[in-house]
Amino acid sequence: MPGNQEKRWAWFVGLAVERFERWARSLRSKDALQPLEDTLPPLDVIMVRHSYMLNPRWYTEGGQRILACKPLVELGHVFAKELHGLPALLNATPTETRIDTFYIRVGVPFDPCCFSELNQEDPVPQMPRLLYPYMNDSGSGYLQAGFSAPCPVQSGCPLVTKETLCVRKLAENLSRQGMAPDSYLPGTYFTESRAADQKAGMELVANVKAKHKVAVKGLMTQNESTVDEELCLNILEGANFKLDEIRGHLGRSKLLGRIMSAHSTPMIHSVELVGAVLRQSSFVQKMSRLGWTRPGFFDHPEDEVVLRQAIARYHAFLDLMSSSPASFFVPTLDIEGCITNVTWGSDPDSPIQRLLENDIVLVWHTHQIMNAKYESDCMQYVRRFIDHDDKVDGVRLSSALNFTCRAWKDRFGVPYSRCGCPLPGDTIGQLLSRLLLGSSRSHPTDTPEVQSQISPPGARQDMLLATHASEHNAVTFTSRNTRALEMAVTRHREHAKRMERRVERGRAKAKERKAIEKGGTVNSEEECES
């Protein structure tokens, strides 16, 4: 086990993800009918499931597209209905039935801290005949960065690595026969343009099949497709067992990035769950620094104003999103416990970018873990499914905050962020200054004209800090070289200028409409120039 605390935590998360994967695969539909106190998994597995649900489009698509994922979603509906009772269940001593059920299904102890059995050999995903330890002294264990093992089958692949397992997953998805939901590529089945994206995905599959000229085989069923093993092997060998080469064989498509991201993990799910948990843990740390995770923090009625404030701001943000049908959003801490990165439609570079604050983030997360209600609420109130993406690069985020603040101020007449941090700057570090807990800075007392349900009073420091722009979704990606970085910066500066012009045109049109309503006229071009 790693001695470094940070690496030790990452290793523990990796093990938790393995336990979650095996538990999720063991579920059956009838489990949703069993008492929750007997079926609730250990806390580490719940942690991974929670992070998975904070990728709502992937989570929903998995339940619809993959037969083995449906029981997980069905059990999730039970969890959502029993949220009020979960704290008591988690704090109570687990029942013997609960402990035994998990051990029988998963094959490892219920307690994640029982590390004595973790050096046993376990089957590698997609290759049940390959047994390999999670860790070993050479650093090639399955949960270690240098994982590699001899391939147990006769093929052109000399070593099994995480990449070759991901390649195998993609090759299987490209080799499926039939018209079952899992015959569609991940990332194409549950989208805003479902029919068009499914068709585009099938065209990519057709490109690969035409290249290899393999006869279509397998039974066609309604519930599950079959894998053409001959085609799968041809795809693997033709691409030298490399993801990049298969990507080149697929052709060009706007969906390609999303499809490939679903194959960044060899597991059945389309989310790289270790990274998802690690990113979510940074958000939890910020909530802890605000004091919001302390037991009893919201027990007094006067303290509930913090939560009511966050919910009101979340509702306001939903209204803001419904007014902009093609947008990218990033939240604040109090709302993201409502919303983090919000994407509309199938275009990842949609024209409007906004930054959610930390208070907004808190409420959004709570909404997302009630998956069925979240989906129906999105369609009813925003008329679109709002996705949550916490893997956005800093260059892109740096142009978001200005537009978020301006749009919020224009629509509601109050400042978006009240934490007192300096705005704006040229980089993400300047735009999103760190939380300064314990700072001697005090925020000016709110004036009557900016007091509202979505503008926190100046007396509570935690409420002001909670409106700090959330960095939870910010992940730094290193550019390939200086030239690539310069091109990215230039592209986003041009995007920012286009957004500035769009905002000005929107303001001019709004003034023109108001003038017409009052019986006057206004020259839109003059307004834009002013």
Protein backbone atom coordinates (compact mmCIF):
# COMPACT_ATOMS: atom_id res chain seq x y z
CA MET A 1 0.00 0.00 0.00
CA PRO A 2 1.40 3.47 -0.86
CA GLY A 3 2.95 5.38 2.03
CA ASN A 4 2.13 8.83 0.62
CA GLN A 5 -1.25 10.00 1.94
CA GLU A 6 -2.46 11.36 -1.40
CA LYS A 7 -1.46 8.21 -3.28
CA ARG A 8 -2.95 6.10 -0.51
CA TRP A 9 -6.29 7.86 -0.97
CA ALA A 10 -6.16 7.40 -4.75
CA TRP A 11 -5.41 3.70 -4.23
CA PHE A 12 -8.35 3.37 -1.82
CA VAL A 13 -10.63 5.07 -4.37
CA GLY A 14 -9.41 2.69 -7.06
CA LEU A 15 -10.28 -0.26 -4.85
CA ALA A 16 -13.70 1.27 -4.05
CA VAL A 17 -14.40 1.57 -7.78
CA GLU A 18 -13.54 -2.11 -8.28
CA ARG A 19 -15.89 -3.04 -5.43
CA PHE A 20 -18.63 -0.85 -6.88
CA GLU A 21 -18.26 -2.39 -10.35
CA ARG A 22 -18.55 -5.93 -9.04
CA TRP A 23 -21.48 -5.00 -6.78
CA ALA A 24 -23.31 -3.22 -9.61
CA ARG A 25 -22.89 -6.21 -11.94
CA SER A 26 -24.30 -8.53 -9.26
CA LEU A 27 -27.57 -6.60 -8.92
CA ARG A 28 -30.89 -7.99 -10.16
CA SER A 29 -34.19 -6.20 -10.70
CA LYS A 30 -35.75 -7.99 -7.73
CA ASP A 31 -33.24 -6.28 -5.42
CA ALA A 32 -35.26 -3.08 -5.66
CA LEU A 33 -38.06 -4.93 -3.83
CA GLN A 34 -35.88 -5.95 -0.87
CA PRO A 35 -35.60 -3.94 2.39
CA LEU A 36 -32.97 -1.24 1.96
CA GLU A 37 -31.31 -2.12 5.28
CA ASP A 38 -30.44 -5.52 3.76
CA THR A 39 -29.29 -4.36 0.30
CA LEU A 40 -27.44 -1.11 1.08
CA PRO A 41 -23.76 -1.55 0.12
CA PRO A 42 -20.80 -0.26 2.18
CA LEU A 43 -20.04 3.45 2.37
CA ASP A 44 -17.13 3.32 -0.10
CA VAL A 45 -19.39 1.75 -2.73
CA ILE A 46 -22.08 4.39 -2.06
CA MET A 47 -19.39 7.07 -2.51
CA VAL A 48 -18.57 5.76 -6.00
CA ARG A 49 -22.23 5.42 -6.93
CA HIS A 50 -22.82 9.04 -5.83
CA SER A 51 -20.00 10.30 -8.08
CA TYR A 52 -21.35 8.23 -10.98
CA MET A 53 -24.79 9.83 -10.57
CA LEU A 54 -23.18 13.27 -10.82
CA ASN A 55 -22.63 12.43 -14.48
CA PRO A 56 -26.39 12.35 -15.10
CA ARG A 57 -26.43 11.89 -18.88
CA TRP A 58 -24.03 8.95 -18.75
CA TYR A 59 -25.86 7.47 -15.75
CA THR A 60 -29.25 7.74 -17.44
CA GLU A 61 -27.95 6.42 -20.76
CA GLY A 62 -26.30 3.46 -19.05
CA GLY A 63 -29.60 2.46 -17.45
CA GLN A 64 -31.38 2.67 -20.80
CA ARG A 65 -28.69 1.22 -23.07
CA ILE A 66 -26.97 -1.51 -21.04
CA LEU A 67 -29.07 -4.36 -19.69
CA ALA A 68 -26.67 -5.03 -16.80
CA CYS A 69 -26.96 -1.39 -15.63
CA LYS A 70 -30.77 -1.31 -15.36
CA PRO A 71 -30.95 -2.89 -11.86
CA LEU A 72 -28.55 -0.21 -10.58
CA VAL A 73 -30.85 2.55 -11.81
CA GLU A 74 -33.94 0.75 -10.46
CA LEU A 75 -32.32 0.42 -7.03
CA GLY A 76 -31.38 4.10 -7.31
CA HIS A 77 -35.08 4.99 -7.41
CA VAL A 78 -35.47 3.22 -4.07
CA PHE A 79 -32.50 5.12 -2.64
CA ALA A 80 -34.05 8.42 -3.78
CA LYS A 81 -37.32 7.64 -2.01
CA GLU A 82 -35.49 6.67 1.18
CA LEU A 83 -33.02 9.57 1.36
CA HIS A 84 -34.46 10.73 4.67
CA GLY A 85 -33.61 7.39 6.26
CA LEU A 86 -30.12 6.90 4.83
CA PRO A 87 -28.21 8.79 7.58
CA ALA A 88 -29.66 6.51 10.27
CA LEU A 89 -28.86 3.40 8.19
CA LEU A 90 -25.29 4.52 7.56
CA ASN A 91 -24.70 5.36 11.21
CA ALA A 92 -26.20 2.11 12.50
CA THR A 93 -24.31 -1.16 12.78
CA PRO A 94 -24.84 -3.12 9.52
CA THR A 95 -27.17 -6.09 9.81
CA GLU A 96 -25.74 -9.57 9.31
CA THR A 97 -27.95 -9.97 6.24
CA ARG A 98 -26.49 -6.79 4.73
CA ILE A 99 -22.89 -7.90 5.41
CA ASP A 100 -23.43 -11.45 4.13
CA THR A 101 -25.29 -10.32 1.00
CA PHE A 102 -22.43 -8.06 -0.04
CA TYR A 103 -19.75 -10.68 0.67
CA ILE A 104 -21.57 -13.42 -1.25
CA ARG A 105 -22.09 -11.17 -4.26
CA VAL A 106 -18.79 -9.32 -4.43
CA GLY A 107 -16.41 -11.81 -2.85
CA VAL A 108 -14.60 -9.28 -0.64
CA PRO A 109 -15.27 -8.17 2.95
CA PHE A 110 -18.03 -5.63 3.63
CA ASP A 111 -15.58 -3.42 5.56
CA PRO A 112 -13.33 -1.61 3.03
CA CYS A 113 -10.64 -1.29 5.70
CA CYS A 114 -10.14 -5.05 5.86
CA PHE A 115 -7.11 -5.03 3.60
CA SER A 116 -5.87 -8.51 4.42
CA GLU A 117 -7.47 -10.10 1.36
CA LEU A 118 -6.69 -7.41 -1.18
CA ASN A 119 -3.51 -9.05 -2.45
CA GLN A 120 -5.45 -12.07 -3.63
CA GLU A 121 -5.64 -12.54 -7.37
CA ASP A 122 -8.86 -11.31 -8.95
CA PRO A 123 -10.23 -11.53 -12.50
CA VAL A 124 -9.38 -8.61 -14.78
CA PRO A 125 -12.43 -6.98 -16.49
CA GLN A 126 -13.29 -8.55 -19.88
CA MET A 127 -10.68 -11.29 -19.31
CA PRO A 128 -12.00 -13.61 -16.57
CA ARG A 129 -9.22 -16.11 -17.25
CA LEU A 130 -6.58 -13.50 -16.30
CA LEU A 131 -6.13 -13.40 -12.53
CA TYR A 132 -3.89 -10.62 -11.27
CA PRO A 133 -3.22 -8.93 -7.90
CA TYR A 134 -4.36 -5.37 -7.28
CA MET A 135 -0.82 -4.46 -6.19
CA ASN A 136 2.63 -6.02 -6.32
CA ASP A 137 6.23 -4.99 -5.60
CA SER A 138 7.06 -4.42 -9.29
CA GLY A 139 4.32 -1.78 -9.69
CA SER A 140 2.43 -3.77 -12.32
CA GLY A 141 -0.64 -4.62 -10.21
CA TYR A 142 -4.08 -3.91 -11.63
CA LEU A 143 -4.59 -0.80 -9.48
CA GLN A 144 -1.09 0.51 -10.17
CA ALA A 145 -0.02 2.93 -12.90
CA GLY A 146 2.29 0.40 -14.55
CA PHE A 147 -0.26 -2.40 -14.86
CA SER A 148 0.69 -5.01 -17.44
CA ALA A 149 0.23 -8.76 -17.69
CA PRO A 150 0.84 -11.45 -20.30
CA CYS A 151 -2.19 -12.00 -22.50
CA PRO A 152 -3.83 -15.37 -21.66
CA VAL A 153 -5.31 -15.88 -25.15
CA GLN A 154 -3.77 -16.38 -28.56
CA SER A 155 -3.85 -13.00 -30.25
CA GLY A 156 -1.57 -10.28 -31.54
CA CYS A 157 -1.60 -8.55 -28.16
CA PRO A 158 1.57 -9.45 -26.22
CA LEU A 159 0.59 -7.62 -23.01
CA VAL A 160 -2.65 -6.70 -21.30
CA THR A 161 -2.67 -3.07 -20.11
CA LYS A 162 -5.41 -0.59 -19.19
CA GLU A 163 -5.29 0.73 -22.77
CA THR A 164 -5.68 -2.69 -24.36
CA LEU A 165 -8.66 -3.38 -22.08
CA CYS A 166 -10.22 -0.09 -23.21
CA VAL A 167 -9.48 -1.02 -26.83
CA ARG A 168 -11.21 -4.36 -26.31
CA LYS A 169 -14.28 -2.58 -24.90
CA LEU A 170 -14.46 -0.29 -27.95
CA ALA A 171 -13.92 -3.17 -30.39
CA GLU A 172 -16.73 -5.13 -28.75
CA ASN A 173 -19.09 -2.16 -29.02
CA LEU A 174 -18.22 -1.79 -32.70
CA SER A 175 -18.78 -5.52 -33.29
CA ARG A 176 -22.25 -5.86 -31.79
CA GLN A 177 -24.94 -7.40 -33.96
CA GLY A 178 -28.66 -6.82 -33.58
CA MET A 179 -30.94 -3.87 -32.79
CA ALA A 180 -30.93 -3.97 -28.98
CA PRO A 181 -30.15 -0.70 -27.12
CA ASP A 182 -26.59 -1.81 -26.37
CA SER A 183 -25.90 -2.16 -30.10
CA TYR A 184 -25.76 1.65 -30.23
CA LEU A 185 -22.47 3.31 -29.36
CA PRO A 186 -22.23 4.96 -25.93
CA GLY A 187 -22.71 8.69 -26.18
CA THR A 188 -25.27 8.41 -28.99
CA TYR A 189 -28.25 6.79 -27.28
CA PHE A 190 -29.43 9.47 -24.82
CA THR A 191 -28.81 12.89 -26.34
CA GLU A 192 -30.77 16.00 -27.26
CA SER A 193 -30.84 14.81 -30.89
CA ARG A 194 -31.29 11.12 -30.16
CA ALA A 195 -32.47 9.89 -33.57
CA ALA A 196 -29.85 11.85 -35.51
CA ASP A 197 -27.03 10.90 -33.14
CA GLN A 198 -27.96 7.22 -33.17
CA LYS A 199 -27.93 7.31 -36.96
CA ALA A 200 -24.56 9.07 -36.98
CA GLY A 201 -23.18 6.48 -34.56
CA MET A 202 -24.39 3.63 -36.73
CA GLU A 203 -22.67 5.23 -39.72
CA LEU A 204 -19.37 5.13 -37.79
CA VAL A 205 -19.96 1.43 -37.05
CA ALA A 206 -20.75 0.84 -40.72
CA ASN A 207 -17.42 2.45 -41.68
CA VAL A 208 -15.54 -0.06 -39.55
CA LYS A 209 -17.55 -3.06 -40.77
CA ALA A 210 -17.05 -2.03 -44.39
CA LYS A 211 -13.30 -1.75 -43.80
CA HIS A 212 -13.03 -5.29 -42.46
CA LYS A 213 -15.64 -6.90 -44.74
CA VAL A 214 -16.81 -9.36 -42.10
CA ALA A 215 -20.16 -11.05 -42.60
CA VAL A 216 -22.84 -10.04 -40.09
CA LYS A 217 -23.44 -12.80 -37.57
CA GLY A 218 -25.29 -13.27 -34.32
CA LEU A 219 -28.86 -13.40 -33.14
CA MET A 220 -31.02 -10.29 -33.09
CA THR A 221 -32.79 -9.84 -29.76
CA GLN A 222 -34.76 -7.04 -28.19
CA ASN A 223 -32.89 -6.95 -24.89
CA GLU A 224 -29.25 -7.63 -25.68
CA SER A 225 -27.01 -7.82 -28.71
CA THR A 226 -24.25 -10.30 -29.47
CA VAL A 227 -20.58 -9.64 -30.24
CA ASP A 228 -19.13 -10.85 -33.53
CA GLU A 229 -15.84 -12.19 -32.18
CA GLU A 230 -14.25 -12.49 -35.62
CA LEU A 231 -14.95 -8.83 -36.40
CA CYS A 232 -13.82 -7.81 -32.90
CA LEU A 233 -10.47 -9.54 -33.35
CA ASN A 234 -10.02 -8.05 -36.82
CA ILE A 235 -10.64 -4.55 -35.42
CA LEU A 236 -8.13 -5.11 -32.62
CA GLU A 237 -5.40 -6.47 -34.86
CA GLY A 238 -6.08 -3.90 -37.60
CA ALA A 239 -5.57 -1.10 -35.08
CA ASN A 240 -2.55 -2.72 -33.39
CA PHE A 241 -4.54 -2.73 -30.15
CA LYS A 242 -4.39 1.09 -29.92
CA LEU A 243 -7.30 3.45 -29.28
CA ASP A 244 -5.93 6.21 -31.49
CA GLU A 245 -5.78 3.91 -34.51
CA ILE A 246 -9.37 2.73 -34.04
CA ARG A 247 -10.42 6.36 -33.74
CA GLY A 248 -8.78 7.05 -37.10
CA HIS A 249 -10.70 4.16 -38.68
CA LEU A 250 -14.04 5.52 -37.49
CA GLY A 251 -13.99 8.65 -39.63
CA ARG A 252 -15.01 12.17 -38.64
CA SER A 253 -17.97 13.04 -36.45
CA LYS A 254 -18.87 15.65 -33.83
CA LEU A 255 -19.80 12.72 -31.55
CA LEU A 256 -16.37 11.11 -31.73
CA GLY A 257 -14.94 12.82 -28.65
CA ARG A 258 -17.88 11.76 -26.51
CA ILE A 259 -17.80 8.21 -27.86
CA MET A 260 -14.09 7.89 -27.15
CA SER A 261 -14.44 9.32 -23.64
CA ALA A 262 -16.82 6.44 -22.83
CA HIS A 263 -13.91 4.09 -23.58
CA SER A 264 -11.41 5.78 -21.25
CA THR A 265 -12.22 3.02 -18.75
CA PRO A 266 -12.43 -0.73 -19.36
CA MET A 267 -15.43 -1.05 -17.05
CA ILE A 268 -19.01 -1.43 -18.19
CA HIS A 269 -19.85 2.16 -17.24
CA SER A 270 -18.99 5.09 -19.52
CA VAL A 271 -17.42 7.24 -16.77
CA GLU A 272 -13.84 6.98 -15.50
CA LEU A 273 -15.01 6.63 -11.92
CA VAL A 274 -11.69 6.98 -10.08
CA GLY A 275 -11.22 10.46 -11.52
CA ALA A 276 -14.89 11.28 -10.87
CA VAL A 277 -14.56 10.43 -7.17
CA LEU A 278 -11.29 12.35 -6.79
CA ARG A 279 -12.80 15.45 -8.41
CA GLN A 280 -15.90 15.20 -6.24
CA SER A 281 -13.78 14.89 -3.10
CA SER A 282 -12.33 18.36 -3.78
CA PHE A 283 -15.85 19.79 -3.73
CA VAL A 284 -16.64 18.00 -0.46
CA GLN A 285 -13.50 19.52 1.06
CA LYS A 286 -14.76 23.00 0.17
CA MET A 287 -18.11 22.28 1.76
CA SER A 288 -16.24 21.10 4.85
CA ARG A 289 -14.18 24.30 4.95
CA LEU A 290 -17.41 26.28 4.97
CA GLY A 291 -18.51 24.20 7.96
CA TRP A 292 -21.61 22.95 6.16
CA THR A 293 -20.78 19.25 6.68
CA ARG A 294 -20.51 19.48 10.48
CA PRO A 295 -23.19 17.48 12.36
CA GLY A 296 -26.02 19.71 13.49
CA PHE A 297 -24.86 22.72 11.47
CA PHE A 298 -28.36 23.32 10.07
CA ASP A 299 -30.36 22.10 13.05
CA HIS A 300 -31.53 25.55 14.18
CA PRO A 301 -34.32 27.25 12.20
CA GLU A 302 -32.28 30.44 11.80
CA ASP A 303 -29.52 28.42 10.13
CA GLU A 304 -31.88 26.97 7.54
CA VAL A 305 -31.81 30.35 5.81
CA VAL A 306 -28.52 29.21 4.25
CA LEU A 307 -30.21 26.26 2.54
CA ARG A 308 -33.30 28.28 1.57
CA GLN A 309 -30.97 30.87 0.03
CA ALA A 310 -29.10 28.19 -1.96
CA ILE A 311 -32.36 26.65 -3.21
CA ALA A 312 -33.69 30.06 -4.27
CA ARG A 313 -30.48 30.75 -6.20
CA TYR A 314 -30.69 27.33 -7.83
CA HIS A 315 -34.23 28.07 -8.99
CA ALA A 316 -33.00 31.38 -10.35
CA PHE A 317 -30.24 29.60 -12.19
CA LEU A 318 -32.72 27.16 -13.73
CA ASP A 319 -34.67 30.19 -14.92
CA LEU A 320 -31.50 31.68 -16.37
CA MET A 321 -30.74 28.43 -18.20
CA SER A 322 -34.27 28.12 -19.56
CA SER A 323 -33.85 31.59 -21.08
CA SER A 324 -30.71 30.47 -22.97
CA PRO A 325 -31.36 27.33 -25.00
CA ALA A 326 -27.73 26.72 -26.00
CA SER A 327 -25.42 27.26 -23.05
CA PHE A 328 -22.49 25.96 -21.05
CA PHE A 329 -22.58 26.67 -17.29
CA VAL A 330 -20.24 26.31 -14.35
CA PRO A 331 -21.72 26.69 -10.80
CA THR A 332 -21.06 28.13 -7.33
CA LEU A 333 -20.69 26.01 -4.20
CA ASP A 334 -24.14 26.56 -2.71
CA ILE A 335 -25.99 25.94 -5.97
CA GLU A 336 -23.82 22.98 -7.05
CA GLY A 337 -24.90 21.16 -4.17
CA CYS A 338 -27.40 22.23 -7.20
CA ILE A 339 -25.34 22.62 -10.62
CA THR A 340 -21.58 22.52 -11.76
CA ASN A 341 -20.86 22.40 -15.46
CA VAL A 342 -24.03 22.42 -17.45
CA THR A 343 -24.04 21.59 -21.12
CA TRP A 344 -26.84 21.99 -23.59
CA GLY A 345 -27.39 20.02 -26.74
CA SER A 346 -24.76 17.96 -28.50
CA ASP A 347 -22.29 20.77 -29.22
CA PRO A 348 -19.60 20.93 -26.51
CA ASP A 349 -18.58 24.39 -27.71
CA SER A 350 -22.04 25.93 -27.43
CA PRO A 351 -22.16 29.71 -27.75
CA ILE A 352 -22.89 30.88 -24.20
CA GLN A 353 -20.78 29.99 -21.19
CA ARG A 354 -21.67 30.70 -17.59
CA LEU A 355 -20.07 29.97 -14.28
CA LEU A 356 -22.14 28.57 -11.43
CA GLU A 357 -21.17 29.50 -7.92
CA ASN A 358 -20.36 27.20 -5.03
CA ASP A 359 -23.71 27.59 -3.29
CA ILE A 360 -25.58 26.70 -6.50
CA VAL A 361 -23.43 23.59 -6.85
CA LEU A 362 -24.58 22.09 -3.55
CA VAL A 363 -28.28 22.08 -4.45
CA TRP A 364 -27.67 20.74 -7.96
CA HIS A 365 -25.88 17.66 -6.65
CA THR A 366 -28.79 16.95 -4.35
CA HIS A 367 -31.20 17.22 -7.29
CA GLN A 368 -29.11 14.88 -9.46
CA ILE A 369 -29.09 11.98 -7.01
CA MET A 370 -32.87 11.79 -7.48
CA ASN A 371 -32.28 10.72 -11.07
CA ALA A 372 -35.84 10.09 -12.29
CA LYS A 373 -37.16 13.32 -10.79
CA TYR A 374 -34.14 15.25 -12.04
CA GLU A 375 -34.80 14.13 -15.61
CA SER A 376 -38.52 14.96 -15.45
CA ASP A 377 -37.90 18.32 -13.76
CA CYS A 378 -35.35 19.28 -16.42
CA MET A 379 -37.79 18.53 -19.21
CA GLN A 380 -40.71 20.24 -17.46
CA TYR A 381 -39.04 23.44 -16.30
CA VAL A 382 -36.00 23.93 -18.54
CA ARG A 383 -37.26 21.92 -21.54
CA ARG A 384 -33.88 20.21 -21.86
CA PHE A 385 -31.83 17.65 -19.99
CA ILE A 386 -29.06 19.46 -18.13
CA ASP A 387 -25.82 17.53 -18.08
CA HIS A 388 -23.07 17.92 -15.49
CA ASP A 389 -19.51 17.87 -16.79
CA ASP A 390 -16.66 18.30 -14.31
CA LYS A 391 -13.79 17.85 -16.79
CA VAL A 392 -13.58 21.31 -18.39
CA ASP A 393 -10.19 22.89 -19.05
CA GLY A 394 -9.12 26.14 -17.42
CA VAL A 395 -8.80 28.15 -20.65
CA ARG A 396 -12.43 27.52 -21.44
CA LEU A 397 -13.57 28.28 -17.89
CA SER A 398 -11.70 31.59 -17.85
CA SER A 399 -14.09 33.14 -20.38
CA ALA A 400 -17.21 31.91 -18.56
CA LEU A 401 -17.35 33.99 -15.40
CA ASN A 402 -17.80 37.41 -17.02
CA PHE A 403 -20.82 36.28 -19.02
CA THR A 404 -22.37 34.50 -16.05
CA CYS A 405 -22.09 37.58 -13.85
CA ARG A 406 -23.46 39.89 -16.52
CA ALA A 407 -26.35 37.62 -17.47
CA TRP A 408 -27.30 37.14 -13.81
CA LYS A 409 -27.11 40.87 -13.11
CA ASP A 410 -29.13 41.73 -16.23
CA ARG A 411 -31.86 39.21 -15.45
CA PHE A 412 -32.21 39.55 -11.69
CA GLY A 413 -30.68 42.93 -10.88
CA VAL A 414 -28.39 41.58 -8.13
CA PRO A 415 -24.71 40.53 -8.15
CA TYR A 416 -24.01 36.90 -8.98
CA SER A 417 -21.14 36.43 -6.51
CA ARG A 418 -21.04 38.07 -3.06
CA CYS A 419 -17.85 36.48 -1.71
CA GLY A 420 -15.75 39.60 -2.23
CA CYS A 421 -13.17 37.98 -4.48
CA PRO A 422 -11.59 40.14 -7.22
CA LEU A 423 -13.10 39.93 -10.70
CA PRO A 424 -12.14 39.47 -13.46
CA GLY A 425 -8.71 38.40 -14.73
CA ASP A 426 -7.02 36.91 -17.75
CA THR A 427 -6.51 33.39 -16.38
CA ILE A 428 -8.62 30.87 -14.51
CA GLY A 429 -6.45 31.43 -11.47
CA GLN A 430 -7.20 35.15 -11.58
CA LEU A 431 -10.88 34.69 -12.37
CA LEU A 432 -11.48 32.06 -9.71
CA SER A 433 -9.52 33.24 -6.68
CA ARG A 434 -9.36 30.75 -3.87
CA LEU A 435 -11.70 30.73 -0.91
CA LEU A 436 -10.19 32.92 1.78
CA LEU A 437 -11.66 31.48 4.94
CA GLY A 438 -10.65 33.46 7.97
CA SER A 439 -9.94 36.52 5.85
CA SER A 440 -10.18 39.85 7.58
CA ARG A 441 -12.04 41.22 4.56
CA SER A 442 -15.63 42.06 5.24
CA HIS A 443 -18.31 42.49 2.63
CA PRO A 444 -20.17 45.80 2.58
CA THR A 445 -23.60 45.66 4.10
CA ASP A 446 -26.18 44.92 1.44
CA THR A 447 -28.23 47.89 0.38
CA PRO A 448 -32.04 47.58 0.16
CA GLU A 449 -32.05 47.64 -3.62
CA VAL A 450 -29.93 44.46 -3.88
CA GLN A 451 -31.56 42.55 -1.03
CA SER A 452 -33.62 39.67 -2.35
CA GLN A 453 -34.15 35.94 -2.01
CA ILE A 454 -31.15 35.36 -4.30
CA SER A 455 -28.85 37.93 -2.70
CA PRO A 456 -27.38 36.76 0.64
CA PRO A 457 -27.36 39.13 3.61
CA GLY A 458 -23.94 40.44 4.58
CA ALA A 459 -24.08 39.19 8.16
CA ARG A 460 -23.24 35.54 7.46
CA GLN A 461 -19.71 34.98 6.23
CA ASP A 462 -20.38 31.35 5.21
CA MET A 463 -23.24 32.45 2.93
CA LEU A 464 -21.05 35.05 1.26
CA LEU A 465 -18.21 32.57 0.75
CA ALA A 466 -20.66 29.99 -0.60
CA THR A 467 -21.38 32.28 -3.54
CA HIS A 468 -17.73 31.94 -4.57
CA ALA A 469 -17.37 30.64 -8.12
CA SER A 470 -16.90 26.89 -8.04
CA GLU A 471 -13.58 25.42 -9.17
CA HIS A 472 -14.87 21.90 -8.49
CA ASN A 473 -15.36 21.25 -12.19
CA ALA A 474 -12.07 22.80 -13.24
CA VAL A 475 -9.47 20.28 -14.34
CA THR A 476 -6.19 21.53 -15.77
CA PHE A 477 -5.17 19.94 -19.05
CA THR A 478 -1.58 20.45 -20.18
CA SER A 479 -1.35 21.45 -23.83
CA ARG A 480 0.78 19.28 -26.08
CA ASN A 481 3.15 22.19 -26.74
CA THR A 482 3.41 25.98 -26.62
CA ARG A 483 1.87 26.34 -30.07
CA ALA A 484 -1.20 24.31 -29.04
CA LEU A 485 -1.63 26.47 -25.94
CA GLU A 486 -1.38 29.67 -27.98
CA MET A 487 -4.00 28.40 -30.42
CA ALA A 488 -6.34 27.46 -27.56
CA VAL A 489 -5.98 30.87 -25.94
CA THR A 490 -6.55 32.65 -29.27
CA ARG A 491 -9.62 30.53 -29.98
CA HIS A 492 -11.17 31.35 -26.62
CA ARG A 493 -10.38 35.05 -26.91
CA GLU A 494 -12.19 35.12 -30.24
CA HIS A 495 -15.06 33.24 -28.63
CA ALA A 496 -15.16 35.82 -25.81
CA LYS A 497 -15.35 38.67 -28.34
CA ARG A 498 -18.24 36.96 -30.11
CA MET A 499 -20.02 36.57 -26.78
CA GLU A 500 -19.47 40.26 -26.00
CA ARG A 501 -21.09 41.23 -29.28
CA ARG A 502 -23.97 38.86 -28.65
CA VAL A 503 -24.56 40.29 -25.18
CA GLU A 504 -24.57 43.83 -26.57
CA ARG A 505 -27.04 42.88 -29.30
CA GLY A 506 -29.26 41.22 -26.70
CA ARG A 507 -29.23 44.35 -24.56
CA ALA A 508 -30.04 46.53 -27.55
CA LYS A 509 -32.98 44.36 -28.53
CA ALA A 510 -34.28 44.36 -24.96
CA LYS A 511 -34.15 48.17 -24.84
CA GLU A 512 -35.84 48.34 -28.21
CA ARG A 513 -38.67 46.11 -27.03
CA LYS A 514 -39.14 48.23 -23.90
CA ALA A 515 -39.19 51.40 -25.98
CA ILE A 516 -41.80 49.96 -28.32
CA GLU A 517 -43.93 48.91 -25.38
CA LYS A 518 -43.79 52.52 -24.10
CA GLY A 519 -44.66 53.84 -27.52
CA GLY A 520 -41.19 55.11 -28.43
CA THR A 521 -38.50 53.95 -30.84
CA VAL A 522 -34.84 53.22 -30.52
CA ASN A 523 -32.06 52.65 -33.03
CA SER A 524 -30.55 49.23 -32.32
CA GLU A 525 -27.25 50.01 -34.05
CA GLU A 526 -26.78 53.16 -31.99
CA GLU A 527 -27.50 51.23 -28.82
CA CYS A 528 -24.90 48.60 -29.74
CA GLU A 529 -22.30 51.26 -30.44
CA SER A 530 -22.97 52.99 -27.15
